[in-house]
PDB file of N, CA and C in Angstrom:
ATOM      1  N   MET A   1      94.684  72.565  94.663  1.00  0.00           N
ATOM      2  CA  MET A   1      95.690  71.245  95.539  1.00  0.00           C
ATOM      3  C   MET A   1      96.368  71.664  95.978  1.00  0.00           C
ATOM      4  N   LYS A   2      97.301  72.857  96.525  1.00  0.00           N
ATOM      5  CA  LYS A   2      97.862  73.481  97.557  1.00  0.00           C
ATOM      6  C   LYS A   2      97.257  74.041  98.780  1.00  0.00           C
ATOM      7  N   LYS A   3      96.097  74.799  98.352  1.00  0.00           N
ATOM      8  CA  LYS A   3      95.391  75.212  98.968  1.00  0.00           C
ATOM      9  C   LYS A   3      94.721  74.548  99.340  1.00  0.00           C
ATOM     10  N   ASN A   4      93.724  73.144  99.190  1.00  0.00           N
ATOM     11  CA  ASN A   4      93.132  72.184  99.609  1.00  0.00           C
ATOM     12  C   ASN A   4      94.158  71.955 100.935  1.00  0.00           C
ATOM     13  N   LYS A   5      95.632  71.221 100.413  1.00  0.00           N
ATOM     14  CA  LYS A   5      96.240  71.045 101.635  1.00  0.00           C
ATOM     15  C   LYS A   5      96.646  72.012 102.765  1.00  0.00           C
ATOM     16  N   LEU A   6      96.353  72.843 102.051  1.00  0.00           N
ATOM     17  CA  LEU A   6      97.402  73.802 103.571  1.00  0.00           C
ATOM     18  C   LEU A   6      95.575  74.379 104.183  1.00  0.00           C
ATOM     19  N   LEU A   7      94.441  73.657 103.631  1.00  0.00           N
ATOM     20  CA  LEU A   7      93.484  74.135 104.373  1.00  0.00           C
ATOM     21  C   LEU A   7      93.261  72.988 105.814  1.00  0.00           C
ATOM     22  N   PHE A   8      93.384  71.964 104.972  1.00  0.00           N
ATOM     23  CA  PHE A   8      93.339  70.792 105.296  1.00  0.00           C
ATOM     24  C   PHE A   8      94.469  70.117 106.864  1.00  0.00           C
ATOM     25  N   ASN A   9      95.838  70.795 106.438  1.00  0.00           N
ATOM     26  CA  ASN A   9      97.033  70.519 107.348  1.00  0.00           C
ATOM     27  C   ASN A   9      96.563  72.345 108.833  1.00  0.00           C
ATOM     28  N   ILE A  10      95.458  73.126 108.362  1.00  0.00           N
ATOM     29  CA  ILE A  10      95.533  73.988 109.226  1.00  0.00           C
ATOM     30  C   ILE A  10      94.125  73.658 110.192  1.00  0.00           C
ATOM     31  N   SER A  11      92.944  72.471 109.689  1.00  0.00           N
ATOM     32  CA  SER A  11      92.113  72.613 110.442  1.00  0.00           C
ATOM     33  C   SER A  11      92.405  71.309 111.422  1.00  0.00           C
ATOM     34  N   LEU A  12      93.002  70.142 110.564  1.00  0.00           N
ATOM     35  CA  LEU A  12      94.289  69.073 112.211  1.00  0.00           C
ATOM     36  C   LEU A  12      94.500  69.695 113.206  1.00  0.00           C
ATOM     37  N   ILE A  13      94.827  70.701 112.516  1.00  0.00           N
ATOM     38  CA  ILE A  13      96.116  71.975 113.912  1.00  0.00           C
ATOM     39  C   ILE A  13      94.771  72.611 114.388  1.00  0.00           C
ATOM     40  N   VAL A  14      93.748  73.065 114.590  1.00  0.00           N
ATOM     41  CA  VAL A  14      92.650  73.576 115.479  1.00  0.00           C
ATOM     42  C   VAL A  14      92.266  72.625 115.995  1.00  0.00           C
ATOM     43  N   ILE A  15      91.992  71.193 115.612  1.00  0.00           N
ATOM     44  CA  ILE A  15      91.386  70.449 116.376  1.00  0.00           C
ATOM     45  C   ILE A  15      91.812  69.496 116.849  1.00  0.00           C
ATOM     46  N   ALA A  16      93.447  69.293 116.506  1.00  0.00           N
ATOM     47  CA  ALA A  16      94.575  68.730 117.605  1.00  0.00           C
ATOM     48  C   ALA A  16      94.310  70.231 118.362  1.00  0.00           C
ATOM     49  N   LEU A  17      94.599  71.222 118.405  1.00  0.00           N
ATOM     50  CA  LEU A  17      94.876  72.365 119.466  1.00  0.00           C
ATOM     51  C   LEU A  17      93.122  72.231 120.619  1.00  0.00           C
ATOM     52  N   VAL A  18      92.169  71.808 119.364  1.00  0.00           N
ATOM     53  CA  VAL A  18      90.441  71.499 120.817  1.00  0.00           C
ATOM     54  C   VAL A  18      90.830  70.724 121.552  1.00  0.00           C
ATOM     55  N   GLY A  19      90.986  70.009 121.159  1.00  0.00           N
ATOM     56  CA  GLY A  19      90.946  68.265 121.844  1.00  0.00           C
ATOM     57  C   GLY A  19      92.318  68.736 122.880  1.00  0.00           C
ATOM     58  N   LEU A  20      92.682  69.184 123.045  1.00  0.00           N
ATOM     59  CA  LEU A  20      93.800  69.230 123.592  1.00  0.00           C
ATOM     60  C   LEU A  20      93.009  70.582 124.938  1.00  0.00           C
ATOM     61  N   PHE A  21      92.813  71.372 124.432  1.00  0.00           N
ATOM     62  CA  PHE A  21      91.872  71.952 125.350  1.00  0.00           C
ATOM     63  C   PHE A  21      90.809  71.147 126.007  1.00  0.00           C
ATOM     64  N   PHE A  22      89.988  70.783 125.943  1.00  0.00           N
ATOM     65  CA  PHE A  22      89.021  69.881 126.524  1.00  0.00           C
ATOM     66  C   PHE A  22      89.668  68.569 127.510  1.00  0.00           C
ATOM     67  N   LEU A  23      90.424  68.019 126.633  1.00  0.00           N
ATOM     68  CA  LEU A  23      91.207  67.361 127.573  1.00  0.00           C
ATOM     69  C   LEU A  23      91.718  67.626 128.636  1.00  0.00           C
ATOM     70  N   ASN A  24      92.868  68.291 128.265  1.00  0.00           N
ATOM     71  CA  ASN A  24      93.118  69.060 129.913  1.00  0.00           C
ATOM     72  C   ASN A  24      91.821  69.404 130.579  1.00  0.00           C
ATOM     73  N   ILE A  25      90.878  70.482 130.414  1.00  0.00           N
ATOM     74  CA  ILE A  25      89.810  70.251 131.359  1.00  0.00           C
ATOM     75  C   ILE A  25      89.023  69.447 131.873  1.00  0.00           C
ATOM     76  N   TYR A  26      88.500  67.956 131.072  1.00  0.00           N
ATOM     77  CA  TYR A  26      88.336  67.188 132.243  1.00  0.00           C
ATOM     78  C   TYR A  26      89.255  66.031 132.386  1.00  0.00           C
ATOM     79  N   LEU A  27      90.175  66.054 132.491  1.00  0.00           N
ATOM     80  CA  LEU A  27      91.175  65.025 132.325  1.00  0.00           C
ATOM     81  C   LEU A  27      92.038  65.732 134.291  1.00  0.00           C
ATOM     82  N   ASP A  28      92.133  64.717 135.140  1.00  0.00           N
ATOM     83  CA  ASP A  28      93.845  65.460 136.403  1.00  0.00           C
ATOM     84  C   ASP A  28      94.632  65.879 135.765  1.00  0.00           C
ATOM     85  N   ASN A  29      95.381  66.239 136.747  1.00  0.00           N
ATOM     86  CA  ASN A  29      97.045  66.367 136.478  1.00  0.00           C
ATOM     87  C   ASN A  29      97.646  65.409 136.056  1.00  0.00           C
ATOM     88  N   TYR A  30      97.724  64.106 136.717  1.00  0.00           N
ATOM     89  CA  TYR A  30      98.933  62.584 136.104  1.00  0.00           C
ATOM     90  C   TYR A  30      98.021  62.159 134.296  1.00  0.00           C
ATOM     91  N   GLN A  31      96.719  61.968 134.776  1.00  0.00           N
ATOM     92  CA  GLN A  31      96.515  61.752 133.181  1.00  0.00           C
ATOM     93  C   GLN A  31      97.254  62.501 132.046  1.00  0.00           C
ATOM     94  N   VAL A  32      96.865  63.908 132.842  1.00  0.00           N
ATOM     95  CA  VAL A  32      97.788  64.635 130.819  1.00  0.00           C
ATOM     96  C   VAL A  32      99.094  64.641 131.408  1.00  0.00           C
ATOM     97  N   THR A  33      99.891  64.476 132.339  1.00  0.00           N
ATOM     98  CA  THR A  33     101.697  64.697 132.004  1.00  0.00           C
ATOM     99  C   THR A  33     101.469  63.228 131.635  1.00  0.00           C
ATOM    100  N   ILE A  34     100.697  62.242 131.555  1.00  0.00           N
ATOM    101  CA  ILE A  34     101.182  60.610 130.923  1.00  0.00           C
ATOM    102  C   ILE A  34     100.835  60.922 129.296  1.00  0.00           C
ATOM    103  N   ILE A  35     100.371  61.994 128.897  1.00  0.00           N
ATOM    104  CA  ILE A  35      99.946  61.987 127.675  1.00  0.00           C
ATOM    105  C   ILE A  35     100.836  62.943 127.048  1.00  0.00           C
ATOM    106  N   ASN A  36     101.797  63.876 127.606  1.00  0.00           N
ATOM    107  CA  ASN A  36     102.624  64.498 127.911  1.00  0.00           C
ATOM    108  C   ASN A  36     103.670  63.900 126.884  1.00  0.00           C
ATOM    109  N   LEU A  37     104.214  62.724 128.699  1.00  0.00           N
ATOM    110  CA  LEU A  37     105.354  62.548 128.061  1.00  0.00           C
ATOM    111  C   LEU A  37     105.021  61.432 126.354  1.00  0.00           C
ATOM    112  N   CYS A  38     103.771  60.850 126.690  1.00  0.00           N
ATOM    113  CA  CYS A  38     103.554  60.238 125.452  1.00  0.00           C
ATOM    114  C   CYS A  38     103.930  60.016 124.274  1.00  0.00           C
ATOM    115  N   ALA A  39     103.259  61.503 124.178  1.00  0.00           N
ATOM    116  CA  ALA A  39     103.827  62.966 123.350  1.00  0.00           C
ATOM    117  C   ALA A  39     104.753  63.201 123.144  1.00  0.00           C
ATOM    118  N   ILE A  40     105.407  63.560 124.123  1.00  0.00           N
ATOM    119  CA  ILE A  40     107.618  63.606 123.971  1.00  0.00           C
ATOM    120  C   ILE A  40     108.198  62.420 123.479  1.00  0.00           C
ATOM    121  N   TYR A  41     107.776  61.190 123.265  1.00  0.00           N
ATOM    122  CA  TYR A  41     107.958  59.827 123.366  1.00  0.00           C
ATOM    123  C   TYR A  41     107.948  59.927 121.597  1.00  0.00           C
ATOM    124  N   ILE A  42     106.757  59.968 120.989  1.00  0.00           N
ATOM    125  CA  ILE A  42     105.944  59.554 120.159  1.00  0.00           C
ATOM    126  C   ILE A  42     107.559  60.514 119.110  1.00  0.00           C
ATOM    127  N   ILE A  43     107.121  62.136 119.081  1.00  0.00           N
ATOM    128  CA  ILE A  43     108.289  62.732 119.129  1.00  0.00           C
ATOM    129  C   ILE A  43     109.538  62.204 118.250  1.00  0.00           C
ATOM    130  N   LEU A  44     110.142  62.062 119.657  1.00  0.00           N
ATOM    131  CA  LEU A  44     111.624  60.915 119.544  1.00  0.00           C
ATOM    132  C   LEU A  44     111.536  60.414 119.512  1.00  0.00           C
ATOM    133  N   ALA A  45     110.672  59.007 118.916  1.00  0.00           N
ATOM    134  CA  ALA A  45     110.915  57.913 118.074  1.00  0.00           C
ATOM    135  C   ALA A  45     110.766  58.538 116.496  1.00  0.00           C
ATOM    136  N   LEU A  46     109.666  59.001 116.735  1.00  0.00           N
ATOM    137  CA  LEU A  46     109.803  59.428 114.524  1.00  0.00           C
ATOM    138  C   LEU A  46     111.177  60.228 114.617  1.00  0.00           C
ATOM    139  N   SER A  47     111.212  61.373 114.784  1.00  0.00           N
ATOM    140  CA  SER A  47     113.170  61.571 114.727  1.00  0.00           C
ATOM    141  C   SER A  47     113.907  60.756 114.666  1.00  0.00           C
ATOM    142  N   MET A  48     114.276  60.254 116.034  1.00  0.00           N
ATOM    143  CA  MET A  48     114.995  59.084 115.669  1.00  0.00           C
ATOM    144  C   MET A  48     115.057  58.044 114.199  1.00  0.00           C
ATOM    145  N   ASN A  49     113.639  57.689 114.117  1.00  0.00           N
ATOM    146  CA  ASN A  49     113.540  56.954 112.770  1.00  0.00           C
ATOM    147  C   ASN A  49     113.329  58.180 111.511  1.00  0.00           C
ATOM    148  N   LEU A  50     113.554  59.088 111.676  1.00  0.00           N
ATOM    149  CA  LEU A  50     114.605  59.808 110.204  1.00  0.00           C
ATOM    150  C   LEU A  50     115.642  59.915 110.378  1.00  0.00           C
ATOM    151  N   ILE A  51     116.579  59.832 111.894  1.00  0.00           N
ATOM    152  CA  ILE A  51     117.725  60.138 110.846  1.00  0.00           C
ATOM    153  C   ILE A  51     118.413  58.447 111.188  1.00  0.00           C
ATOM    154  N   ASN A  52     118.423  57.766 111.607  1.00  0.00           N
ATOM    155  CA  ASN A  52     118.460  56.508 111.362  1.00  0.00           C
ATOM    156  C   ASN A  52     117.794  55.327 110.655  1.00  0.00           C
ATOM    157  N   GLY A  53     116.323  55.476 110.140  1.00  0.00           N
ATOM    158  CA  GLY A  53     115.738  54.502 109.501  1.00  0.00           C
ATOM    159  C   GLY A  53     115.876  55.340 107.594  1.00  0.00           C
ATOM    160  N   PHE A  54     115.520  56.339 107.652  1.00  0.00           N
ATOM    161  CA  PHE A  54     115.524  56.662 106.918  1.00  0.00           C
ATOM    162  C   PHE A  54     117.564  57.183 105.559  1.00  0.00           C
ATOM    163  N   THR A  55     117.834  57.199 106.726  1.00  0.00           N
ATOM    164  CA  THR A  55     119.427  58.352 106.346  1.00  0.00           C
ATOM    165  C   THR A  55     120.447  57.335 106.636  1.00  0.00           C
ATOM    166  N   GLY A  56     120.136  56.266 107.739  1.00  0.00           N
ATOM    167  CA  GLY A  56     120.746  55.898 107.738  1.00  0.00           C
ATOM    168  C   GLY A  56     122.097  55.640 109.013  1.00  0.00           C
ATOM    169  N   LEU A  57     122.468  57.251 109.529  1.00  0.00           N
ATOM    170  CA  LEU A  57     123.375  58.115 110.092  1.00  0.00           C
ATOM    171  C   LEU A  57     123.055  57.370 111.388  1.00  0.00           C
ATOM    172  N   PHE A  58     123.903  57.186 112.499  1.00  0.00           N
ATOM    173  CA  PHE A  58     124.033  57.421 113.637  1.00  0.00           C
ATOM    174  C   PHE A  58     124.441  58.402 114.252  1.00  0.00           C
ATOM    175  N   SER A  59     123.825  59.016 115.140  1.00  0.00           N
ATOM    176  CA  SER A  59     123.560  60.583 116.264  1.00  0.00           C
ATOM    177  C   SER A  59     123.250  59.580 117.520  1.00  0.00           C
ATOM    178  N   LEU A  60     124.288  60.558 117.946  1.00  0.00           N
ATOM    179  CA  LEU A  60     123.900  60.751 119.614  1.00  0.00           C
ATOM    180  C   LEU A  60     123.867  62.305 119.703  1.00  0.00           C
ATOM    181  N   GLY A  61     122.878  62.891 118.887  1.00  0.00           N
ATOM    182  CA  GLY A  61     122.466  63.774 119.256  1.00  0.00           C
ATOM    183  C   GLY A  61     121.467  64.634 119.885  1.00  0.00           C
ATOM    184  N   HIS A  62     120.799  63.283 119.997  1.00  0.00           N
ATOM    185  CA  HIS A  62     118.928  62.552 121.155  1.00  0.00           C
ATOM    186  C   HIS A  62     119.700  62.410 122.639  1.00  0.00           C
ATOM    187  N   ALA A  63     120.435  61.668 122.015  1.00  0.00           N
ATOM    188  CA  ALA A  63     120.510  61.858 124.048  1.00  0.00           C
ATOM    189  C   ALA A  63     120.744  62.591 124.331  1.00  0.00           C
ATOM    190  N   GLY A  64     121.866  63.180 123.878  1.00  0.00           N
ATOM    191  CA  GLY A  64     121.984  64.599 124.207  1.00  0.00           C
ATOM    192  C   GLY A  64     121.405  65.592 125.195  1.00  0.00           C
ATOM    193  N   PHE A  65     120.716  65.727 124.161  1.00  0.00           N
ATOM    194  CA  PHE A  65     118.951  66.424 124.306  1.00  0.00           C
ATOM    195  C   PHE A  65     118.300  65.900 125.164  1.00  0.00           C
ATOM    196  N   MET A  66     118.128  65.038 124.844  1.00  0.00           N
ATOM    197  CA  MET A  66     117.447  64.302 126.458  1.00  0.00           C
ATOM    198  C   MET A  66     118.420  63.923 127.780  1.00  0.00           C
ATOM    199  N   ALA A  67     119.770  64.005 127.743  1.00  0.00           N
ATOM    200  CA  ALA A  67     120.364  64.407 128.863  1.00  0.00           C
ATOM    201  C   ALA A  67     120.469  65.747 129.706  1.00  0.00           C
ATOM    202  N   ILE A  68     120.326  66.687 128.752  1.00  0.00           N
ATOM    203  CA  ILE A  68     120.731  68.012 129.230  1.00  0.00           C
ATOM    204  C   ILE A  68     118.372  68.216 129.574  1.00  0.00           C
ATOM    205  N   GLY A  69     118.077  68.102 128.800  1.00  0.00           N
ATOM    206  CA  GLY A  69     116.181  68.041 129.415  1.00  0.00           C
ATOM    207  C   GLY A  69     116.457  67.404 130.538  1.00  0.00           C
ATOM    208  N   ALA A  70     116.834  65.729 130.474  1.00  0.00           N
ATOM    209  CA  ALA A  70     116.858  65.333 131.946  1.00  0.00           C
ATOM    210  C   ALA A  70     116.990  65.850 133.441  1.00  0.00           C
ATOM    211  N   TYR A  71     118.896  66.775 133.232  1.00  0.00           N
ATOM    212  CA  TYR A  71     119.429  66.914 134.096  1.00  0.00           C
ATOM    213  C   TYR A  71     118.402  68.412 134.685  1.00  0.00           C
ATOM    214  N   THR A  72     118.200  69.628 133.702  1.00  0.00           N
ATOM    215  CA  THR A  72     117.719  70.574 133.918  1.00  0.00           C
ATOM    216  C   THR A  72     116.353  70.300 134.375  1.00  0.00           C
ATOM    217  N   VAL A  73     115.048  68.966 134.354  1.00  0.00           N
ATOM    218  CA  VAL A  73     114.320  68.694 135.135  1.00  0.00           C
ATOM    219  C   VAL A  73     114.271  68.938 136.113  1.00  0.00           C
ATOM    220  N   ALA A  74     115.704  67.719 136.843  1.00  0.00           N
ATOM    221  CA  ALA A  74     115.546  67.267 137.944  1.00  0.00           C
ATOM    222  C   ALA A  74     116.201  68.684 139.141  1.00  0.00           C
ATOM    223  N   ILE A  75     117.054  69.660 138.219  1.00  0.00           N
ATOM    224  CA  ILE A  75     117.632  70.185 139.079  1.00  0.00           C
ATOM    225  C   ILE A  75     116.791  71.456 139.078  1.00  0.00           C
ATOM    226  N   LEU A  76     115.113  72.045 138.654  1.00  0.00           N
ATOM    227  CA  LEU A  76     114.449  72.117 138.871  1.00  0.00           C
ATOM    228  C   LEU A  76     113.174  71.953 139.542  1.00  0.00           C
ATOM    229  N   THR A  77     113.051  70.621 139.451  1.00  0.00           N
ATOM    230  CA  THR A  77     112.435  70.394 140.325  1.00  0.00           C
ATOM    231  C   THR A  77     113.095  70.173 142.250  1.00  0.00           C
ATOM    232  N   MET A  78     114.404  70.300 141.698  1.00  0.00           N
ATOM    233  CA  MET A  78     114.639  69.811 143.538  1.00  0.00           C
ATOM    234  C   MET A  78     114.659  72.004 144.504  1.00  0.00           C
ATOM    235  N   LEU A  79     115.160  72.459 143.214  1.00  0.00           N
ATOM    236  CA  LEU A  79     115.073  74.288 143.282  1.00  0.00           C
ATOM    237  C   LEU A  79     113.636  74.056 143.922  1.00  0.00           C
ATOM    238  N   GLN A  80     112.756  73.442 143.854  1.00  0.00           N
ATOM    239  CA  GLN A  80     111.100  73.675 143.828  1.00  0.00           C
ATOM    240  C   GLN A  80     111.260  73.119 144.673  1.00  0.00           C
ATOM    241  N   GLN A  81     111.455  72.084 145.098  1.00  0.00           N
ATOM    242  CA  GLN A  81     111.491  70.860 146.884  1.00  0.00           C
ATOM    243  C   GLN A  81     111.932  71.745 147.674  1.00  0.00           C
ATOM    244  N   LEU A  82     113.166  72.421 147.828  1.00  0.00           N
ATOM    245  CA  LEU A  82     113.321  73.395 148.492  1.00  0.00           C
ATOM    246  C   LEU A  82     112.808  74.234 148.912  1.00  0.00           C
ATOM    247  N   ARG A  83     111.671  75.048 148.243  1.00  0.00           N
ATOM    248  CA  ARG A  83     111.658  75.799 148.392  1.00  0.00           C
ATOM    249  C   ARG A  83     109.412  75.976 149.271  1.00  0.00           C
ATOM    250  N   LYS A  84     109.836  74.976 148.981  1.00  0.00           N
ATOM    251  CA  LYS A  84     108.266  74.584 149.652  1.00  0.00           C
ATOM    252  C   LYS A  84     108.407  74.385 151.716  1.00  0.00           C
TER     253      LYS A  84
END
């Protein structure tokens, strides 16, 4: 039973990676960026649902990590624009 579940999970991961590879080839940069942002927000929503919904705990850690990421992206974007 566990072996079948492991093979199923591995096959799903492989299918997802192959799908992402083909999407990266056939879509332009804007569409790939939108798909990346959607995936990030889905992961964030699932993690907040896990913490707030199932356990009932209130955590500001998610907001802190998002803030650190936003500031890092802003700084790296500004440095990239200055180099051009």
